[in-house]
Protein backbone atom coordinates (compact mmCIF):
# COMPACT_ATOMS: atom_id res chain seq x y z
CA MET A 1 -2.19 -114.98 6.30
CA SER A 2 1.20 -116.65 6.55
CA ASP A 3 3.80 -116.66 3.78
CA VAL A 4 3.28 -120.41 3.33
CA GLN A 5 -0.47 -119.94 2.87
CA ILE A 6 0.11 -117.22 0.27
CA LEU A 7 2.58 -119.41 -1.61
CA ASP A 8 0.03 -122.24 -1.67
CA ALA A 9 -2.66 -119.88 -2.92
CA TYR A 10 -1.00 -118.43 -5.98
CA THR A 11 1.27 -121.14 -7.43
CA TYR A 12 0.47 -122.92 -10.70
CA ASP A 13 2.55 -124.58 -13.40
CA LEU A 14 3.08 -122.49 -16.54
CA PRO A 15 4.78 -124.24 -19.47
CA LYS A 16 7.21 -121.98 -21.31
CA GLU A 17 5.48 -122.60 -24.62
CA ARG A 18 2.32 -120.94 -23.27
CA ILE A 19 4.07 -117.60 -22.72
CA ALA A 20 3.26 -115.29 -25.63
CA GLN A 21 6.34 -113.89 -27.36
CA ARG A 22 4.44 -111.43 -29.57
CA PRO A 23 0.98 -109.86 -29.16
CA CYS A 24 -2.11 -110.72 -31.13
CA HIS A 25 -2.88 -108.59 -34.18
CA PRO A 26 -5.44 -107.07 -34.39
CA ALA A 27 -5.26 -106.44 -30.66
CA ASP A 28 -8.97 -106.97 -30.03
CA HIS A 29 -8.85 -110.48 -31.54
CA ALA A 30 -7.01 -111.82 -28.50
CA LYS A 31 -8.94 -114.38 -26.47
CA MET A 32 -10.96 -113.15 -23.50
CA LEU A 33 -12.02 -115.49 -20.71
CA VAL A 34 -15.20 -114.12 -19.13
CA VAL A 35 -15.56 -115.02 -15.44
CA ASP A 36 -18.79 -114.38 -13.56
CA ARG A 37 -18.11 -114.14 -9.85
CA ALA A 38 -21.78 -114.45 -8.92
CA THR A 39 -22.38 -117.75 -10.70
CA GLY A 40 -18.87 -119.11 -11.20
CA ALA A 41 -19.58 -119.48 -14.92
CA ILE A 42 -16.81 -118.98 -17.47
CA GLN A 43 -17.03 -118.31 -21.21
CA ASP A 44 -14.51 -118.38 -24.03
CA ARG A 45 -14.79 -115.16 -26.02
CA SER A 46 -12.51 -112.56 -27.59
CA PHE A 47 -11.92 -108.90 -26.81
CA TYR A 48 -13.88 -108.10 -29.96
CA ASP A 49 -16.92 -109.35 -28.00
CA LEU A 50 -16.32 -107.02 -25.04
CA PRO A 51 -19.11 -104.56 -26.01
CA GLN A 52 -21.64 -107.37 -25.46
CA PHE A 53 -20.78 -107.44 -21.77
CA LEU A 54 -20.87 -103.69 -21.09
CA SER A 55 -23.68 -101.15 -20.90
CA ALA A 56 -24.26 -97.43 -21.05
CA ASN A 57 -23.13 -95.76 -17.79
CA ASP A 58 -20.39 -98.35 -17.30
CA ARG A 59 -17.06 -96.58 -16.93
CA LEU A 60 -13.79 -98.04 -18.23
CA VAL A 61 -10.73 -96.75 -16.37
CA PHE A 62 -7.38 -96.90 -18.18
CA ASN A 63 -3.80 -96.25 -17.08
CA ASP A 64 -2.24 -93.59 -19.34
CA THR A 65 1.34 -94.17 -18.23
CA ARG A 66 3.99 -94.40 -20.93
CA VAL A 67 6.75 -97.02 -20.87
CA ILE A 68 10.25 -95.55 -21.04
CA PRO A 69 13.23 -97.24 -22.80
CA ALA A 70 14.46 -98.36 -19.41
CA ARG A 71 16.63 -101.41 -20.17
CA LEU A 72 20.27 -100.82 -21.12
CA PHE A 73 22.74 -103.52 -22.13
CA GLY A 74 26.42 -102.83 -21.55
CA THR A 75 29.76 -104.30 -20.51
CA LEU A 76 32.07 -104.02 -17.52
CA ASP A 77 35.13 -103.39 -19.67
CA SER A 78 36.15 -102.21 -23.11
CA SER A 79 36.57 -105.76 -24.42
CA GLY A 80 32.81 -106.20 -24.59
CA GLN A 81 33.03 -109.66 -23.03
CA ALA A 82 31.58 -109.02 -19.57
CA ALA A 83 27.96 -108.37 -20.53
CA VAL A 84 25.66 -106.73 -17.98
CA GLU A 85 22.37 -104.89 -17.98
CA LEU A 86 20.66 -102.14 -16.04
CA LEU A 87 16.94 -101.57 -15.63
CA LEU A 88 16.15 -97.96 -14.75
CA LEU A 89 13.63 -97.74 -11.91
CA GLU A 90 13.65 -94.28 -10.36
CA LYS A 91 15.06 -91.00 -11.64
CA ILE A 92 16.79 -88.93 -8.98
CA THR A 93 18.21 -86.37 -11.43
CA ASP A 94 18.55 -86.43 -15.22
CA SER A 95 21.83 -88.30 -14.84
CA ARG A 96 21.33 -90.25 -11.59
CA TRP A 97 19.06 -93.31 -11.45
CA VAL A 98 18.17 -96.11 -9.08
CA CYS A 99 18.44 -99.37 -11.04
CA ILE A 100 18.28 -103.10 -10.92
CA GLY A 101 21.57 -104.48 -12.16
CA ARG A 102 22.46 -107.92 -13.46
CA PRO A 103 24.82 -109.43 -12.37
CA LEU A 104 24.63 -107.01 -9.47
CA LYS A 105 27.68 -108.25 -7.52
CA LYS A 106 29.97 -107.76 -10.50
CA ILE A 107 28.52 -104.34 -11.22
CA ARG A 108 29.11 -103.24 -7.62
CA ALA A 109 32.63 -104.68 -7.62
CA LYS A 110 33.66 -103.06 -10.90
CA GLY A 111 31.86 -99.81 -10.21
CA LYS A 112 31.46 -98.84 -13.85
CA VAL A 113 29.37 -99.97 -16.81
CA ARG A 114 30.02 -98.96 -20.43
CA PHE A 115 27.34 -98.59 -23.09
CA GLY A 116 29.22 -98.27 -26.35
CA GLU A 117 31.85 -95.59 -26.80
CA THR A 118 30.00 -92.51 -25.60
CA LEU A 119 27.89 -93.46 -22.57
CA TRP A 120 28.88 -94.96 -19.25
CA ALA A 121 27.55 -95.23 -15.70
CA GLU A 122 29.42 -95.18 -12.41
CA VAL A 123 28.09 -96.85 -9.28
CA ILE A 124 27.42 -94.57 -6.32
CA PRO A 125 28.99 -96.42 -3.36
CA ASP A 126 26.68 -97.35 -0.50
CA ASP A 127 26.41 -99.91 2.26
CA SER A 128 23.21 -101.41 0.93
CA SER A 129 22.84 -105.13 0.37
CA THR A 130 19.59 -104.73 -1.57
CA GLU A 131 19.02 -105.74 -5.19
CA ARG A 132 19.10 -102.09 -6.29
CA VAL A 133 22.01 -99.87 -7.16
CA THR A 134 22.30 -96.12 -7.76
CA VAL A 135 24.37 -95.00 -10.74
CA GLU A 136 25.48 -91.71 -12.27
CA PHE A 137 25.47 -91.54 -16.07
CA TYR A 138 28.07 -89.66 -18.14
CA THR A 139 28.36 -89.06 -21.85
CA SER A 140 31.04 -87.70 -24.18
CA GLU A 141 28.36 -86.57 -26.63
CA THR A 142 27.15 -83.00 -26.90
CA THR A 143 23.50 -84.04 -26.48
CA HIS A 144 21.73 -83.85 -23.13
CA ILE A 145 22.41 -86.81 -20.86
CA SER A 146 18.76 -87.87 -20.79
CA ILE A 147 18.73 -88.03 -24.60
CA ALA A 148 21.90 -90.14 -24.58
CA ILE A 149 20.39 -92.55 -22.05
CA ALA A 150 17.17 -92.88 -24.06
CA ALA A 151 19.15 -93.48 -27.26
CA HIS A 152 20.95 -96.45 -25.71
CA GLY A 153 17.88 -97.85 -23.92
CA CYS A 154 15.33 -100.30 -25.27
CA MET A 155 11.79 -101.20 -24.32
CA PRO A 156 11.89 -103.15 -21.04
CA ILE A 157 9.91 -106.18 -22.11
CA PRO A 158 9.94 -108.82 -19.37
CA PRO A 159 12.74 -111.41 -19.33
CA TYR A 160 10.27 -114.20 -20.19
CA ILE A 161 9.73 -112.54 -23.60
CA ARG A 162 12.75 -113.23 -25.84
CA GLY A 163 15.15 -112.84 -22.94
CA GLY A 164 14.02 -109.29 -22.27
CA LYS A 165 15.67 -107.89 -25.40
CA GLY A 166 13.20 -105.57 -27.04
CA ASP A 167 13.28 -104.68 -30.73
CA GLU A 168 11.64 -102.15 -33.04
CA LEU A 169 8.34 -104.01 -33.00
CA ASP A 170 8.21 -103.76 -29.22
CA GLU A 171 8.47 -99.99 -29.43
CA VAL A 172 4.90 -100.10 -30.74
CA ASP A 173 3.59 -103.39 -29.36
CA TYR A 174 4.61 -102.73 -25.74
CA GLN A 175 2.96 -99.29 -25.62
CA THR A 176 -0.78 -98.89 -25.13
CA ILE A 177 -2.90 -96.53 -27.24
CA PHE A 178 -3.51 -94.51 -24.05
CA ALA A 179 0.19 -93.93 -23.29
CA LYS A 180 0.83 -90.30 -22.42
CA ASN A 181 2.78 -89.74 -19.20
CA PRO A 182 6.29 -91.33 -19.27
CA GLY A 183 7.52 -93.21 -16.23
CA SER A 184 6.82 -96.96 -16.36
CA VAL A 185 9.29 -99.83 -16.62
CA ALA A 186 6.51 -102.24 -17.60
CA ALA A 187 3.36 -101.79 -19.65
CA PRO A 188 -0.14 -101.86 -18.15
CA THR A 189 -0.70 -104.89 -20.33
CA ALA A 190 -4.48 -105.32 -20.03
CA SER A 191 -4.82 -102.15 -22.12
CA LEU A 192 -2.80 -103.71 -24.95
CA HIS A 193 -5.99 -105.48 -26.07
CA PHE A 194 -7.66 -102.17 -26.93
CA ASN A 195 -7.33 -100.53 -30.34
CA GLU A 196 -9.08 -97.51 -31.81
CA GLU A 197 -11.75 -99.63 -33.49
CA LEU A 198 -12.75 -101.31 -30.23
CA MET A 199 -12.79 -97.99 -28.39
CA GLN A 200 -15.12 -96.49 -30.99
CA ARG A 201 -17.55 -99.37 -30.59
CA LEU A 202 -17.45 -99.09 -26.81
CA THR A 203 -17.92 -95.32 -26.65
CA LEU A 204 -20.17 -94.65 -29.66
CA GLU A 205 -22.30 -97.80 -29.85
CA VAL A 206 -22.43 -98.99 -26.24
CA ARG A 207 -21.92 -95.45 -24.88
CA CYS A 208 -19.47 -96.51 -22.18
CA ASP A 209 -17.68 -93.70 -20.40
CA VAL A 210 -13.89 -93.52 -20.15
CA THR A 211 -11.62 -92.20 -17.42
CA ARG A 212 -7.83 -92.06 -17.46
CA ILE A 213 -5.60 -92.23 -14.40
CA THR A 214 -1.82 -92.61 -14.11
CA LEU A 215 0.21 -95.20 -12.25
CA HIS A 216 3.85 -95.63 -13.17
CA VAL A 217 4.41 -99.38 -13.20
CA GLY A 218 7.36 -100.69 -11.21
CA THR A 219 8.89 -104.14 -10.78
CA ALA A 220 5.92 -105.86 -9.12
CA SER A 221 4.94 -107.55 -12.38
CA PHE A 222 8.08 -109.66 -12.62
CA LEU A 223 9.60 -109.90 -9.12
CA PRO A 224 8.49 -112.93 -7.06
CA VAL A 225 6.22 -112.32 -4.10
CA LEU A 226 8.44 -114.50 -1.94
CA ASP A 227 12.15 -113.78 -1.50
CA ASN A 228 14.09 -116.45 0.42
CA GLY A 229 10.83 -117.60 1.98
CA LYS A 230 9.85 -114.11 3.11
CA LEU A 231 6.93 -112.11 1.79
CA ARG A 232 7.91 -109.32 -0.61
CA PRO A 233 5.19 -106.64 -0.97
CA PRO A 234 4.80 -105.05 -4.41
CA GLY A 235 6.73 -101.92 -3.45
CA SER A 236 5.88 -98.27 -3.87
CA GLU A 237 4.51 -96.96 -7.17
CA ARG A 238 3.75 -93.37 -8.12
CA PHE A 239 0.20 -92.63 -9.20
CA HIS A 240 -2.24 -89.79 -9.79
CA VAL A 241 -6.03 -89.95 -9.62
CA THR A 242 -7.64 -86.56 -10.09
CA ASP A 243 -10.68 -85.25 -8.24
CA GLU A 244 -12.40 -85.14 -11.62
CA ALA A 245 -11.75 -88.85 -12.12
CA VAL A 246 -13.23 -89.63 -8.71
CA SER A 247 -16.31 -87.54 -9.50
CA GLU A 248 -16.75 -89.35 -12.80
CA MET A 249 -16.70 -92.73 -11.09
CA VAL A 250 -19.21 -91.61 -8.47
CA LYS A 251 -21.47 -90.30 -11.22
CA SER A 252 -21.34 -93.63 -13.07
CA LYS A 253 -22.20 -95.61 -9.96
CA GLU A 254 -25.10 -93.28 -9.14
CA ALA A 255 -26.43 -93.89 -12.67
CA GLY A 256 -26.33 -97.64 -12.14
CA GLY A 257 -23.07 -98.23 -14.00
CA ARG A 258 -19.97 -100.14 -13.01
CA VAL A 259 -16.39 -98.98 -12.58
CA ILE A 260 -14.35 -101.38 -14.71
CA ALA A 261 -10.63 -101.22 -14.01
CA VAL A 262 -8.54 -102.13 -17.04
CA GLY A 263 -5.53 -103.77 -15.43
CA THR A 264 -4.29 -104.49 -11.94
CA THR A 265 -2.35 -101.21 -11.97
CA VAL A 266 -5.65 -99.34 -12.27
CA VAL A 267 -7.10 -101.42 -9.44
CA ARG A 268 -4.18 -100.50 -7.20
CA ALA A 269 -4.43 -96.80 -8.05
CA LEU A 270 -8.20 -96.57 -7.56
CA GLU A 271 -8.24 -98.53 -4.32
CA SER A 272 -5.30 -96.51 -3.00
CA SER A 273 -7.04 -93.23 -3.82
CA ALA A 274 -10.13 -94.46 -1.99
CA GLN A 275 -8.07 -94.96 1.15
CA VAL A 276 -5.96 -91.78 1.01
CA ALA A 277 -7.21 -88.83 -1.02
CA HIS A 278 -4.60 -86.94 -3.06
CA ALA A 279 -1.83 -89.44 -2.33
CA ASP A 280 0.94 -89.50 -4.94
CA ALA A 281 2.41 -92.92 -4.17
CA THR A 282 1.00 -96.23 -3.00
CA GLU A 283 2.26 -99.20 -1.03
CA LEU A 284 -1.11 -100.94 -1.03
CA PHE A 285 -0.81 -104.73 -1.09
CA ILE A 286 -4.10 -106.32 -2.17
CA THR A 287 -4.35 -109.91 -0.97
CA PRO A 288 -7.23 -112.37 -0.46
CA GLY A 289 -9.74 -110.93 2.00
CA TYR A 290 -9.38 -107.36 0.75
CA ARG A 291 -12.68 -105.42 0.42
CA PHE A 292 -12.81 -103.40 -2.78
CA GLN A 293 -14.16 -99.87 -2.43
CA ARG A 294 -14.10 -98.38 -5.94
CA VAL A 295 -13.67 -101.21 -8.42
CA ASP A 296 -16.64 -103.32 -9.55
CA SER A 297 -15.15 -105.32 -12.43
CA VAL A 298 -11.66 -105.91 -13.80
CA ILE A 299 -10.07 -106.66 -17.15
CA THR A 300 -6.68 -108.29 -16.72
CA ASN A 301 -4.14 -110.58 -18.35
CA PHE A 302 -3.03 -113.98 -17.07
CA HIS A 303 -0.25 -113.35 -14.59
CA GLN A 304 3.06 -115.00 -13.86
CA PRO A 305 3.08 -117.51 -10.99
CA GLY A 306 4.48 -116.05 -7.81
CA THR A 307 3.66 -112.36 -8.35
CA THR A 308 1.56 -109.92 -6.37
CA HIS A 309 -0.76 -109.37 -9.35
CA LEU A 310 -2.00 -112.94 -9.02
CA LEU A 311 -2.80 -112.38 -5.36
CA LEU A 312 -4.87 -109.35 -6.35
CA VAL A 313 -6.85 -111.47 -8.81
CA GLU A 314 -7.40 -114.05 -6.09
CA ALA A 315 -8.78 -111.30 -3.88
CA LEU A 316 -11.41 -110.76 -6.59
CA LEU A 317 -12.20 -114.35 -7.47
CA GLY A 318 -11.37 -116.45 -4.45
CA ARG A 319 -9.01 -119.40 -4.63
CA GLU A 320 -11.46 -121.93 -6.08
CA LEU A 321 -12.71 -119.78 -8.96
CA LEU A 322 -9.19 -118.50 -9.66
CA ALA A 323 -7.92 -122.07 -10.02
CA LYS A 324 -10.90 -122.98 -12.20
CA ALA A 325 -10.30 -120.02 -14.52
CA TYR A 326 -6.56 -120.56 -14.87
CA GLN A 327 -6.83 -124.30 -15.39
CA HIS A 328 -9.48 -123.72 -18.05
CA ALA A 329 -7.22 -121.19 -19.78
CA LEU A 330 -4.28 -123.61 -19.68
CA ALA A 331 -6.43 -126.39 -21.13
CA SER A 332 -7.90 -124.15 -23.84
CA ASP A 333 -4.77 -122.79 -25.52
CA TYR A 334 -4.88 -119.31 -24.03
CA ARG A 335 -1.65 -117.35 -24.34
CA PHE A 336 -0.20 -116.13 -21.05
CA LEU A 337 1.50 -113.07 -19.53
CA SER A 338 2.22 -109.61 -20.98
CA TYR A 339 1.65 -110.30 -24.69
CA GLY A 340 -0.96 -112.97 -24.03
CA ASP A 341 -4.72 -113.18 -23.82
CA GLY A 342 -6.83 -111.80 -21.00
CA MET A 343 -9.92 -112.13 -18.88
CA LEU A 344 -12.98 -110.10 -17.97
CA ILE A 345 -13.98 -110.50 -14.33
CA LEU A 346 -17.63 -109.58 -13.78
C-alpha cells in the first residue's frame, strides 16, 4: 500500500470542539459505539452497558502500564522568557534521557534547559537531525536526580488537551485503575472507561476473565503517520506478555470465549507476542490487510486523524465500516480522543 493510499484511508475532519478536554465522570457513563463487523450494524450505548455484550469465558486484556510525569516545562535562560518543553521518552540512566524537545532547534543551539532554580538539563551533542535529543539532568538538591525530575514533571496529556499542560486532576484522570508498571508517556486510554464498579459487574455477574499485560506507550498516539509525505511507522515500544497470559487466552478460546483487547496498545502487544515469543519490544505496524492471530474483539477510543492507531482500527473494520462508524460518532455528539468516548468492536 502506498503512502498516498494510506493517507486517503485514514483522514477525516475533526472539529476542535469535539475533542474532550476532561473525562466523563463516572467513567463508565461515557458513550460506547458498538460496531458489529459481521453485520455492519452500529448501536449507541454507554460503557455501563458493556456487560450486556460479554459472556462467561470471554477474556478482557488490559495494559497495566503506568504513565510517568514525563513532560517538563522550562526555559533556555534565567530570564524565564524563552519557554521550552521536554517530553521524556527513554531512560538511559537515572539522569540521562532521550526526549522530544520543543522548539528543538533552539534547544540544540543553546545546549541547556533550566527548570526552576535547582534542576537543569544539558544536551548531549550528536550529529543527528532527528526530532529527538538526548539530555543529561543535574540538580543542586540533595535528593536523588530521579526524584528531582519527577518533582518538576507533569502528566503528559496530549497537546490537543489544554495545550498539553496537565494539572492535579490529570494526575488521577490520566491514569487507569490498572496502572502498575511505570514507563508510559501516554495513557492506554481505552481503559480509562473502566472503574471498580464496572469491573465488579463484569467479573462477578458476567464472570468474564481478566488478563493484564504491559506495553509502555510511546509517541505513536500523537505523532502523524506521514512525515513530509513519507510513511512514519509507530516506532518501537517495550512490552511484556507472560507465558501465563498466553495460556489464559488459549484457555478462554478453547472454552468458546473471546479475547477482547482493551486498547490498541494491547492489540499491538498481543499480536507481537503471537509473532515472536518472549520478545521485549515491538515494531509491529498493523495496517489494513493484517490478519489478527490473538485478538477477537477490541475496545478503543476514537483516534486522532493521521495516526497509526486509526490504521489499526481500519485493519479491524475495513475502510467502509470505519468511515460509517466515525461519521456516525461525529453526527451523534460523541467526544473524541484520549478523554473522549469509545467503541466496542465485535
